[in-house]
Amino acid sequence: MGLNIRDWGMIAEHSDDERKALRGWYFFDWANQAYALTCMTVVVPALMANLYNQATGGGSEWAGLNVTGDSFYAIILAISMAIVALTAPALGVIADRVPLKKKMLYWYTVVGIIFTALMGIAPFLGNQGYMFLALTFVIATVGFSGGNTIYYAFMPYMAKKEHMDKVSSWGYAYGFIGGSILLLFHLGVILASPLETNVNLAIVFVSSSLWWWGFGALMFKWTPEPDIPSPAEFAGESQFAKTLSATKMAYVQVWTTLREIRRFKILAFFLLAYLLFYDGVNTINGMASAFGESVLRINPAMNIALLLTVNIVAIPMSVAFGALAEKWGTKQSLMTALVIYCLVAVTAIGFAPLTLDGEADHQRYDFQYDWDDSDNSYHLTTLYDRGVEGWVSSEGDGDTAFRNAFNIYLLDNGEERTTLDLVDATALVAAFGDTSEHRFSFHFSGGVLNGSATVGDQHPTILDQGGPMDWWPQAMRDNVWEPFGIGVSLQWIILGFFVGCVMGAAGAQARSMFSMLIPESRTTEFFGFFGFIGKAAAMVGPILYALSVAMFDSRVAILSIVVLIIVGTILTSKVDLEEGMKVAAAEDAMWRESQKSQDS
């Protein structure tokens, strides 16, 4: 593909202006992956789950239903998607009739950027941090997702239909490249910065905002507003009156689209399939980081390593699947990606930390005490250097038994006790027998207490916690992970490799397939509806996840989402793509005839 980025994804027959416009469109994907990958997929899910668990002690009950850190994030994600779903189709109709695509995209982007930066305040707010993060995340996600609805509507104007596979695949490739570069920077910030964790997180959010704006500006500069096939005039003298008139017309048109979609039966059938598999893929992608935090207690740096692996693999695989689509067909390429994704997700349900094995795993315990001969005392180190208050809730009911048994040895007037003399250390070890109803682990290394340890019944390494799927991670750990020495971090990287093979392909081929099934004369209207379906799907998935956690647990929640992908894949196999394209072409021919009649 050459080393000159100016040639990446270009169409040979395009003029210089058309190539520049397409390049600007590609770079917007490069830009907004700062939010999609770093914030929405890596940092926010894990941070929100951590802040919620920290505030509640690992979970709490709402209306009698169990809510954990990962399911709380799922609820917040569903709320943000619901807001976008209500507005996406109307935005599409307005953009079809008025040259407002760039203006709408601009304001959605500005809102997303501002509230992304504000999310950096959340870690400094203590027990209220998860609520502030939830609020800013909802608004930023509305900015990102609403903007993407408009951004996707530019695609049919970027090239002819026969080039849609290439354009769609290269759009994803640009996104993965840009996202990977920024993720590398953020990984360096988290691992190498001498600043405290909360400051590093603030740097991550602010730099994501700057990246999004800096590269996103290229689209506003290079990509022109597409011509409107059937522009409309709206009643009213003031801009406010015209906006109200346009909004009213938009929702009338949405209802019309809902009724007329029945005329495009193949397109409607594909949208149903898309709702199911897109729901599943996006929910699992969105929940992975929160799942890793709440269920597996993954190192936060590994979440970034996961996405880096996904992106690095996805860059060539997005292009490869685009080429595969030209050879096999778009539908077959999409189905191949979805089948692989299902197999990977089922394997991920079986991920499990290896059992804690005393001295060999000393650094994997949550609270690690090391003997120091120089002062005859034990010094405390906490897992991932979060500190006691970074792990144990100060008020949450879930950690009450733990606080009652151990806080006297961990905190002194609210300050962390980093050193214990032998008397207090011995008393702490004696307290191990007071309760096992907690989610933490202790280990002593060196000195007379060498090897003393305890692991709470709710610790991630304890797999038998009453869930219907507990047998699966136990079987995987006994037969795969432990025999081959594959720790949970390596399991996470393996997941990233296989997801990277198909994630971009699934999204790109679905987007390409949809563009083939819609009439060119109604592109933005139908892409608005496409956005509505996508956001409605993204709303349903997290709700299903949260309900599954409430009734069962997080592993069952992942399984319920896999079922959606399987059903969506089966329905996709029944879509007659060639017949759908003929129907779309016939609609365009009718529109052209009506335009000729009006002109004459």
Foldseek 3Di string as FASTA:
>chain_A
DDDDPLPQLADPPDDPLLSLLLVLLLLLLLQLLLCVQLPQQADLLLVLQLLQCLAAVQWDDDPNFIFHSLLVVLQLLLVLLVVLLVCLLLVLQLVLADLCLLVLLVVLLVQLLVLLLVLLCLVVPHSCSSVSNSVSVSRNSSSSLSSVLSSLLCQCVSDPLVCLLSSLLSSLLSNLVSSLVLLVVLLCLLPPPPDDPSVSSSVSSNVSSVSSVVSNVSNVVRHDRDDRPHHDFFDDDDPVRRVVRSSVVSVVVVVVCVVCVVVLVLLVLLLLLCLLQLLLLVLCSSSVNNCCCSQAVDQSSLSSVLSSLLSVLQNVLSNVLSVVCVVVNLLVSLLVLLVLLLVLLLVVLLQAFADDDAPVNQQVFQWHWEADPVVQKTFIAGHSRCAPSSRHHPDHPNCPQVCVLPVVPQDDPNHGDGIDHPVSVVSSLVSLVVAQSHAGKYAYPDDPRHRRMHGHCNHSNNQPPPFPCSVRNVVCCVPPCVVVVPGSSNSSNVSSNSCSNRVSSNVSSSSSLSVLLAAPNSSSSVSSVSSSSSSVSNSVLSVQQSVCCRVGRNSVSSVVSSVSSVVSSVSSVVRPSVVSNVSNVVVNVVVVVVVVVVVD
